[in-house]
């Protein structure tokens, strides 16, 4: 899939663990893990909003597009 999630990079930059983010955005660690590894097929805007709020970023900071 040409869309990729840069959650790992953002977490590293902010010195935050996936577990801490999961608690802050009220998602399960398993669901965030699926998102982080790029296995997610969809994401709710409310989830995107919560992640961006907690990581103080824009959606474009979290998502990338790698065309062919």
PDB file of N, CA and C in Angstrom:
ATOM      1  N   UNK A   1       0.848  -1.179   0.000  1.00  0.00           N
ATOM      2  CA  UNK A   1       0.000   0.000   0.000  1.00  0.00           C
ATOM      3  C   UNK A   1       0.896   1.244   0.000  1.00  0.00           C
ATOM      4  N   UNK A   2       0.604   2.225  -0.828  1.00  0.00           N
ATOM      5  CA  UNK A   2       1.459   3.400  -0.913  1.00  0.00           C
ATOM      6  C   UNK A   2       1.321   4.371   0.266  1.00  0.00           C
ATOM      7  N   UNK A   3       0.302   4.207   1.115  1.00  0.00           N
ATOM      8  CA  UNK A   3       0.166   5.053   2.310  1.00  0.00           C
ATOM      9  C   UNK A   3       0.910   4.371   3.458  1.00  0.00           C
ATOM     10  N   UNK A   4       1.755   5.110   4.135  1.00  0.00           N
ATOM     11  CA  UNK A   4       2.439   4.530   5.290  1.00  0.00           C
ATOM     12  C   UNK A   4       2.288   5.456   6.495  1.00  0.00           C
ATOM     13  N   UNK A   5       2.336   4.847   7.667  1.00  0.00           N
ATOM     14  CA  UNK A   5       2.146   5.558   8.935  1.00  0.00           C
ATOM     15  C   UNK A   5       3.516   5.761   9.574  1.00  0.00           C
ATOM     16  N   UNK A   6       3.814   6.994   9.936  1.00  0.00           N
ATOM     17  CA  UNK A   6       5.118   7.338  10.512  1.00  0.00           C
ATOM     18  C   UNK A   6       5.028   7.488  12.031  1.00  0.00           C
ATOM     19  N   UNK A   7       4.220   6.649  12.647  1.00  0.00           N
ATOM     20  CA  UNK A   7       3.990   6.734  14.088  1.00  0.00           C
ATOM     21  C   UNK A   7       5.264   6.462  14.873  1.00  0.00           C
ATOM     22  N   UNK A   8       6.041   5.494  14.437  1.00  0.00           N
ATOM     23  CA  UNK A   8       7.291   5.160  15.126  1.00  0.00           C
ATOM     24  C   UNK A   8       8.216   6.368  15.232  1.00  0.00           C
ATOM     25  N   UNK A   9       8.377   7.081  14.133  1.00  0.00           N
ATOM     26  CA  UNK A   9       9.261   8.251  14.115  1.00  0.00           C
ATOM     27  C   UNK A   9       8.764   9.335  15.057  1.00  0.00           C
ATOM     28  N   UNK A  10       7.450   9.588  15.029  1.00  0.00           N
ATOM     29  CA  UNK A  10       6.889  10.626  15.894  1.00  0.00           C
ATOM     30  C   UNK A  10       7.016  10.261  17.367  1.00  0.00           C
ATOM     31  N   UNK A  11       6.781   9.001  17.690  1.00  0.00           N
ATOM     32  CA  UNK A  11       6.931   8.563  19.083  1.00  0.00           C
ATOM     33  C   UNK A  11       8.373   8.721  19.541  1.00  0.00           C
ATOM     34  N   UNK A  12       9.303   8.352  18.684  1.00  0.00           N
ATOM     35  CA  UNK A  12      10.719   8.461  19.026  1.00  0.00           C
ATOM     36  C   UNK A  12      11.113   9.926  19.246  1.00  0.00           C
ATOM     37  N   UNK A  13      10.666  10.808  18.356  1.00  0.00           N
ATOM     38  CA  UNK A  13      10.974  12.235  18.484  1.00  0.00           C
ATOM     39  C   UNK A  13      10.434  12.825  19.783  1.00  0.00           C
ATOM     40  N   UNK A  14       9.286  12.323  20.219  1.00  0.00           N
ATOM     41  CA  UNK A  14       8.650  12.869  21.425  1.00  0.00           C
ATOM     42  C   UNK A  14       8.977  12.067  22.683  1.00  0.00           C
ATOM     43  N   UNK A  15       9.822  11.068  22.520  1.00  0.00           N
ATOM     44  CA  UNK A  15      10.231  10.206  23.638  1.00  0.00           C
ATOM     45  C   UNK A  15       9.022   9.655  24.382  1.00  0.00           C
ATOM     46  N   UNK A  16       8.109   9.091  23.603  1.00  0.00           N
ATOM     47  CA  UNK A  16       6.877   8.535  24.150  1.00  0.00           C
ATOM     48  C   UNK A  16       6.770   7.078  23.708  1.00  0.00           C
ATOM     49  N   UNK A  17       6.252   6.245  24.578  1.00  0.00           N
ATOM     50  CA  UNK A  17       6.059   4.845  24.214  1.00  0.00           C
ATOM     51  C   UNK A  17       4.685   4.645  23.590  1.00  0.00           C
ATOM     52  N   UNK A  18       4.548   3.552  22.879  1.00  0.00           N
ATOM     53  CA  UNK A  18       3.261   3.211  22.286  1.00  0.00           C
ATOM     54  C   UNK A  18       2.223   2.987  23.382  1.00  0.00           C
ATOM     55  N   UNK A  19       2.637   2.399  24.487  1.00  0.00           N
ATOM     56  CA  UNK A  19       1.741   2.166  25.621  1.00  0.00           C
ATOM     57  C   UNK A  19       1.225   3.483  26.188  1.00  0.00           C
ATOM     58  N   UNK A  20       2.105   4.457  26.328  1.00  0.00           N
ATOM     59  CA  UNK A  20       1.704   5.763  26.850  1.00  0.00           C
ATOM     60  C   UNK A  20       0.714   6.441  25.906  1.00  0.00           C
ATOM     61  N   UNK A  21       0.989   6.370  24.605  1.00  0.00           N
ATOM     62  CA  UNK A  21       0.073   6.966  23.637  1.00  0.00           C
ATOM     63  C   UNK A  21      -1.277   6.265  23.673  1.00  0.00           C
ATOM     64  N   UNK A  22      -1.271   4.949  23.777  1.00  0.00           N
ATOM     65  CA  UNK A  22      -2.518   4.189  23.833  1.00  0.00           C
ATOM     66  C   UNK A  22      -3.383   4.650  25.006  1.00  0.00           C
ATOM     67  N   UNK A  23      -2.767   4.864  26.145  1.00  0.00           N
ATOM     68  CA  UNK A  23      -3.501   5.338  27.319  1.00  0.00           C
ATOM     69  C   UNK A  23      -4.050   6.741  27.108  1.00  0.00           C
ATOM     70  N   UNK A  24      -3.252   7.604  26.499  1.00  0.00           N
ATOM     71  CA  UNK A  24      -3.658   8.993  26.292  1.00  0.00           C
ATOM     72  C   UNK A  24      -4.801   9.137  25.289  1.00  0.00           C
ATOM     73  N   UNK A  25      -4.815   8.289  24.263  1.00  0.00           N
ATOM     74  CA  UNK A  25      -5.856   8.408  23.235  1.00  0.00           C
ATOM     75  C   UNK A  25      -6.992   7.412  23.450  1.00  0.00           C
ATOM     76  N   UNK A  26      -6.903   6.634  24.519  1.00  0.00           N
ATOM     77  CA  UNK A  26      -7.938   5.667  24.880  1.00  0.00           C
ATOM     78  C   UNK A  26      -8.190   4.639  23.773  1.00  0.00           C
ATOM     79  N   UNK A  27      -7.085   4.069  23.269  1.00  0.00           N
ATOM     80  CA  UNK A  27      -7.147   2.968  22.311  1.00  0.00           C
ATOM     81  C   UNK A  27      -6.387   1.794  22.893  1.00  0.00           C
ATOM     82  N   UNK A  28      -6.696   0.607  22.400  1.00  0.00           N
ATOM     83  CA  UNK A  28      -5.955  -0.549  22.875  1.00  0.00           C
ATOM     84  C   UNK A  28      -4.558  -0.541  22.266  1.00  0.00           C
ATOM     85  N   UNK A  29      -3.638  -1.111  22.982  1.00  0.00           N
ATOM     86  CA  UNK A  29      -2.271  -1.230  22.489  1.00  0.00           C
ATOM     87  C   UNK A  29      -2.251  -2.050  21.199  1.00  0.00           C
ATOM     88  N   UNK A  30      -3.094  -3.068  21.129  1.00  0.00           N
ATOM     89  CA  UNK A  30      -3.164  -3.908  19.931  1.00  0.00           C
ATOM     90  C   UNK A  30      -3.575  -3.094  18.701  1.00  0.00           C
ATOM     91  N   UNK A  31      -4.572  -2.230  18.848  1.00  0.00           N
ATOM     92  CA  UNK A  31      -5.014  -1.420  17.708  1.00  0.00           C
ATOM     93  C   UNK A  31      -3.948  -0.420  17.277  1.00  0.00           C
ATOM     94  N   UNK A  32      -3.268   0.193  18.214  1.00  0.00           N
ATOM     95  CA  UNK A  32      -2.200   1.118  17.859  1.00  0.00           C
ATOM     96  C   UNK A  32      -1.035   0.382  17.217  1.00  0.00           C
ATOM     97  N   UNK A  33      -0.788  -0.830  17.670  1.00  0.00           N
ATOM     98  CA  UNK A  33       0.271  -1.651  17.088  1.00  0.00           C
ATOM     99  C   UNK A  33      -0.022  -1.963  15.626  1.00  0.00           C
ATOM    100  N   UNK A  34      -1.259  -2.295  15.333  1.00  0.00           N
ATOM    101  CA  UNK A  34      -1.677  -2.577  13.958  1.00  0.00           C
ATOM    102  C   UNK A  34      -1.468  -1.336  13.099  1.00  0.00           C
ATOM    103  N   UNK A  35      -1.793  -0.191  13.635  1.00  0.00           N
ATOM    104  CA  UNK A  35      -1.602   1.063  12.911  1.00  0.00           C
ATOM    105  C   UNK A  35      -0.112   1.332  12.690  1.00  0.00           C
ATOM    106  N   UNK A  36       0.670   1.148  13.738  1.00  0.00           N
ATOM    107  CA  UNK A  36       2.109   1.425  13.681  1.00  0.00           C
ATOM    108  C   UNK A  36       2.831   0.544  12.665  1.00  0.00           C
ATOM    109  N   UNK A  37       2.426  -0.703  12.568  1.00  0.00           N
ATOM    110  CA  UNK A  37       3.102  -1.634  11.670  1.00  0.00           C
ATOM    111  C   UNK A  37       2.610  -1.543  10.233  1.00  0.00           C
ATOM    112  N   UNK A  38       1.621  -0.691   9.999  1.00  0.00           N
ATOM    113  CA  UNK A  38       1.128  -0.523   8.641  1.00  0.00           C
ATOM    114  C   UNK A  38       0.133  -1.569   8.195  1.00  0.00           C
ATOM    115  N   UNK A  39      -0.386  -2.339   9.124  1.00  0.00           N
ATOM    116  CA  UNK A  39      -1.338  -3.392   8.782  1.00  0.00           C
ATOM    117  C   UNK A  39      -2.789  -2.925   8.802  1.00  0.00           C
ATOM    118  N   UNK A  40      -3.008  -1.693   9.261  1.00  0.00           N
ATOM    119  CA  UNK A  40      -4.372  -1.150   9.323  1.00  0.00           C
ATOM    120  C   UNK A  40      -4.876  -0.843   7.921  1.00  0.00           C
ATOM    121  N   UNK A  41      -6.144  -1.105   7.695  1.00  0.00           N
ATOM    122  CA  UNK A  41      -6.766  -0.825   6.403  1.00  0.00           C
ATOM    123  C   UNK A  41      -7.526   0.496   6.423  1.00  0.00           C
ATOM    124  N   UNK A  42      -7.801   1.010   7.624  1.00  0.00           N
ATOM    125  CA  UNK A  42      -8.565   2.247   7.759  1.00  0.00           C
ATOM    126  C   UNK A  42      -8.268   2.865   9.124  1.00  0.00           C
ATOM    127  N   UNK A  43      -8.591   4.165   9.235  1.00  0.00           N
ATOM    128  CA  UNK A  43      -8.441   4.853  10.509  1.00  0.00           C
ATOM    129  C   UNK A  43      -9.570   5.879  10.614  1.00  0.00           C
ATOM    130  N   UNK A  44     -10.204   5.924  11.760  1.00  0.00           N
ATOM    131  CA  UNK A  44     -11.261   6.909  11.987  1.00  0.00           C
ATOM    132  C   UNK A  44     -10.631   8.290  12.142  1.00  0.00           C
ATOM    133  N   UNK A  45     -11.365   9.300  11.691  1.00  0.00           N
ATOM    134  CA  UNK A  45     -10.881  10.667  11.872  1.00  0.00           C
ATOM    135  C   UNK A  45     -10.742  11.001  13.349  1.00  0.00           C
ATOM    136  N   UNK A  46     -11.593  10.447  14.188  1.00  0.00           N
ATOM    137  CA  UNK A  46     -11.492  10.716  15.624  1.00  0.00           C
ATOM    138  C   UNK A  46     -10.187  10.148  16.194  1.00  0.00           C
ATOM    139  N   UNK A  47      -9.750   9.007  15.667  1.00  0.00           N
ATOM    140  CA  UNK A  47      -8.479   8.416  16.088  1.00  0.00           C
ATOM    141  C   UNK A  47      -7.323   9.277  15.603  1.00  0.00           C
ATOM    142  N   UNK A  48      -7.385   9.698  14.352  1.00  0.00           N
ATOM    143  CA  UNK A  48      -6.358  10.565  13.787  1.00  0.00           C
ATOM    144  C   UNK A  48      -6.262  11.866  14.583  1.00  0.00           C
ATOM    145  N   UNK A  49      -7.410  12.431  14.912  1.00  0.00           N
ATOM    146  CA  UNK A  49      -7.446  13.666  15.696  1.00  0.00           C
ATOM    147  C   UNK A  49      -6.801  13.477  17.067  1.00  0.00           C
ATOM    148  N   UNK A  50      -7.141  12.385  17.742  1.00  0.00           N
ATOM    149  CA  UNK A  50      -6.603  12.123  19.081  1.00  0.00           C
ATOM    150  C   UNK A  50      -5.089  11.922  19.035  1.00  0.00           C
ATOM    151  N   UNK A  51      -4.604  11.200  18.054  1.00  0.00           N
ATOM    152  CA  UNK A  51      -3.162  10.974  17.927  1.00  0.00           C
ATOM    153  C   UNK A  51      -2.450  12.291  17.646  1.00  0.00           C
ATOM    154  N   UNK A  52      -2.985  13.066  16.721  1.00  0.00           N
ATOM    155  CA  UNK A  52      -2.372  14.363  16.398  1.00  0.00           C
ATOM    156  C   UNK A  52      -2.378  15.296  17.601  1.00  0.00           C
ATOM    157  N   UNK A  53      -3.453  15.264  18.370  1.00  0.00           N
ATOM    158  CA  UNK A  53      -3.536  16.105  19.572  1.00  0.00           C
ATOM    159  C   UNK A  53      -2.444  15.730  20.567  1.00  0.00           C
ATOM    160  N   UNK A  54      -2.300  14.449  20.824  1.00  0.00           N
ATOM    161  CA  UNK A  54      -1.333  13.990  21.828  1.00  0.00           C
ATOM    162  C   UNK A  54       0.110  14.099  21.368  1.00  0.00           C
ATOM    163  N   UNK A  55       0.350  13.969  20.071  1.00  0.00           N
ATOM    164  CA  UNK A  55       1.716  14.066  19.552  1.00  0.00           C
ATOM    165  C   UNK A  55       2.039  15.467  19.047  1.00  0.00           C
ATOM    166  N   UNK A  56       1.054  16.365  19.155  1.00  0.00           N
ATOM    167  CA  UNK A  56       1.222  17.748  18.712  1.00  0.00           C
ATOM    168  C   UNK A  56       1.769  17.784  17.280  1.00  0.00           C
ATOM    169  N   UNK A  57       1.008  17.153  16.384  1.00  0.00           N
ATOM    170  CA  UNK A  57       1.427  17.089  14.993  1.00  0.00           C
ATOM    171  C   UNK A  57       0.234  17.279  14.070  1.00  0.00           C
ATOM    172  N   UNK A  58       0.501  17.356  12.794  1.00  0.00           N
ATOM    173  CA  UNK A  58      -0.524  17.455  11.773  1.00  0.00           C
ATOM    174  C   UNK A  58      -0.707  16.078  11.131  1.00  0.00           C
ATOM    175  N   UNK A  59      -1.871  15.804  10.529  1.00  0.00           N
ATOM    176  CA  UNK A  59      -2.076  14.507   9.875  1.00  0.00           C
ATOM    177  C   UNK A  59      -0.981  14.181   8.860  1.00  0.00           C
ATOM    178  N   UNK A  60      -0.481  15.187   8.167  1.00  0.00           N
ATOM    179  CA  UNK A  60       0.585  14.963   7.192  1.00  0.00           C
ATOM    180  C   UNK A  60       1.901  14.541   7.831  1.00  0.00           C
ATOM    181  N   UNK A  61       2.081  14.855   9.111  1.00  0.00           N
ATOM    182  CA  UNK A  61       3.274  14.404   9.836  1.00  0.00           C
ATOM    183  C   UNK A  61       3.180  12.920  10.151  1.00  0.00           C
ATOM    184  N   UNK A  62       1.972  12.431  10.278  1.00  0.00           N
ATOM    185  CA  UNK A  62       1.714  11.042  10.670  1.00  0.00           C
ATOM    186  C   UNK A  62       1.609  10.111   9.478  1.00  0.00           C
ATOM    187  N   UNK A  63       1.081  10.611   8.372  1.00  0.00           N
ATOM    188  CA  UNK A  63       0.824   9.777   7.191  1.00  0.00           C
ATOM    189  C   UNK A  63       1.705  10.223   6.031  1.00  0.00           C
ATOM    190  N   UNK A  64       2.172   9.268   5.265  1.00  0.00           N
ATOM    191  CA  UNK A  64       2.959   9.569   4.082  1.00  0.00           C
ATOM    192  C   UNK A  64       2.456   8.787   2.888  1.00  0.00           C
ATOM    193  N   UNK A  65       2.755   9.292   1.708  1.00  0.00           N
ATOM    194  CA  UNK A  65       2.342   8.630   0.466  1.00  0.00           C
ATOM    195  C   UNK A  65       3.574   8.367  -0.382  1.00  0.00           C
ATOM    196  N   UNK A  66       3.759   7.122  -0.747  1.00  0.00           N
ATOM    197  CA  UNK A  66       4.872   6.734  -1.605  1.00  0.00           C
ATOM    198  C   UNK A  66       4.294   6.178  -2.891  1.00  0.00           C
ATOM    199  N   UNK A  67       4.183   7.029  -3.886  1.00  0.00           N
ATOM    200  CA  UNK A  67       3.638   6.604  -5.173  1.00  0.00           C
ATOM    201  C   UNK A  67       4.624   5.716  -5.916  1.00  0.00           C
ATOM    202  N   UNK A  68       4.122   5.121  -6.979  1.00  0.00           N
ATOM    203  CA  UNK A  68       4.972   4.191  -7.742  1.00  0.00           C
ATOM    204  C   UNK A  68       5.801   4.900  -8.777  1.00  0.00           C
TER     205      UNK A  68
END
